Every structure is written in C-alpha cells, then in structure tokens.
C-alpha cells in the first residue's frame, strides 16, 4: 500500500499542492470489490490563526 500512496502523492505534485512534503496526514485502507478502483479525497487544512 505504501507504493500506491507514493504514486498518488507524486502524481498530485503541482496539481493539488506544490510538493508532496506538504501532506500532513494520510490514511490508506484496502477493500476488496467487484469494482476495483482508487479513491482520493483531498481536504485543505486552514490555519487556526491568520498569518501576519
């Protein structure tokens, strides 16, 4: 599963974020299905305080 996460993180560079080093949390789960797929959900993390 780490290979799947790495491929997805690398492929989203410059699309969802500047660099995959910006990823702060990741969850990977494997399910068996008659409809094999990869689902990716991306959420923006906003700071609690405004930057000055």
Protein backbone atom coordinates (compact mmCIF):
# COMPACT_ATOMS: atom_id res chain seq x y z
CA UNK A 1 0.00 0.00 0.00
CA UNK A 2 2.93 2.35 0.55
CA UNK A 3 3.69 2.12 -3.18
CA UNK A 4 0.13 3.17 -4.02
CA UNK A 5 0.33 6.15 -1.65
CA UNK A 6 3.70 7.19 -3.12
CA UNK A 7 2.42 7.04 -6.71
CA UNK A 8 -0.67 9.09 -5.88
CA UNK A 9 1.29 11.64 -3.82
CA UNK A 10 3.89 12.07 -6.57
CA UNK A 11 1.28 12.35 -9.31
CA UNK A 12 -0.56 15.16 -7.49
CA UNK A 13 2.57 17.34 -7.17
CA UNK A 14 1.91 20.77 -8.72
CA UNK A 15 -1.80 19.86 -9.06
CA UNK A 16 -3.16 19.58 -5.52
CA UNK A 17 -0.11 21.03 -3.75
CA UNK A 18 3.32 22.45 -4.54
CA UNK A 19 5.12 19.36 -3.26
CA UNK A 20 4.04 16.17 -1.52
CA UNK A 21 6.08 17.22 1.51
CA UNK A 22 3.04 19.40 2.31
CA UNK A 23 0.96 16.30 3.10
CA UNK A 24 0.35 16.27 6.85
CA UNK A 25 -1.99 13.29 7.18
CA UNK A 26 -2.70 10.23 5.09
CA UNK A 27 -4.96 7.24 5.54
CA UNK A 28 -4.79 4.19 3.31
CA UNK A 29 -7.26 1.32 3.51
CA UNK A 30 -7.66 -1.73 1.30
CA UNK A 31 -11.05 -3.21 0.43
CA UNK A 32 -11.94 -6.00 -1.96
CA UNK A 33 -14.61 -5.15 -4.51
CA UNK A 34 -16.14 -6.21 -7.82
CA UNK A 35 -15.35 -2.64 -8.93
CA UNK A 36 -11.59 -2.17 -8.29
CA UNK A 37 -10.55 1.48 -8.01
CA UNK A 38 -8.56 4.07 -6.13
CA UNK A 39 -10.44 6.90 -4.45
CA UNK A 40 -8.60 10.05 -3.38
CA UNK A 41 -10.08 12.76 -1.17
CA UNK A 42 -8.11 15.95 -0.63
CA UNK A 43 -9.01 18.47 2.07
CA UNK A 44 -7.42 21.85 2.63
CA UNK A 45 -6.07 22.47 6.10
CA UNK A 46 -6.58 26.09 7.05
CA UNK A 47 -4.60 27.72 9.87
CA UNK A 48 -6.48 28.47 13.11
CA UNK A 49 -4.95 31.96 13.19
CA UNK A 50 -4.45 34.41 10.36
CA UNK A 51 -0.87 34.93 9.27
CA UNK A 52 0.53 38.48 9.53
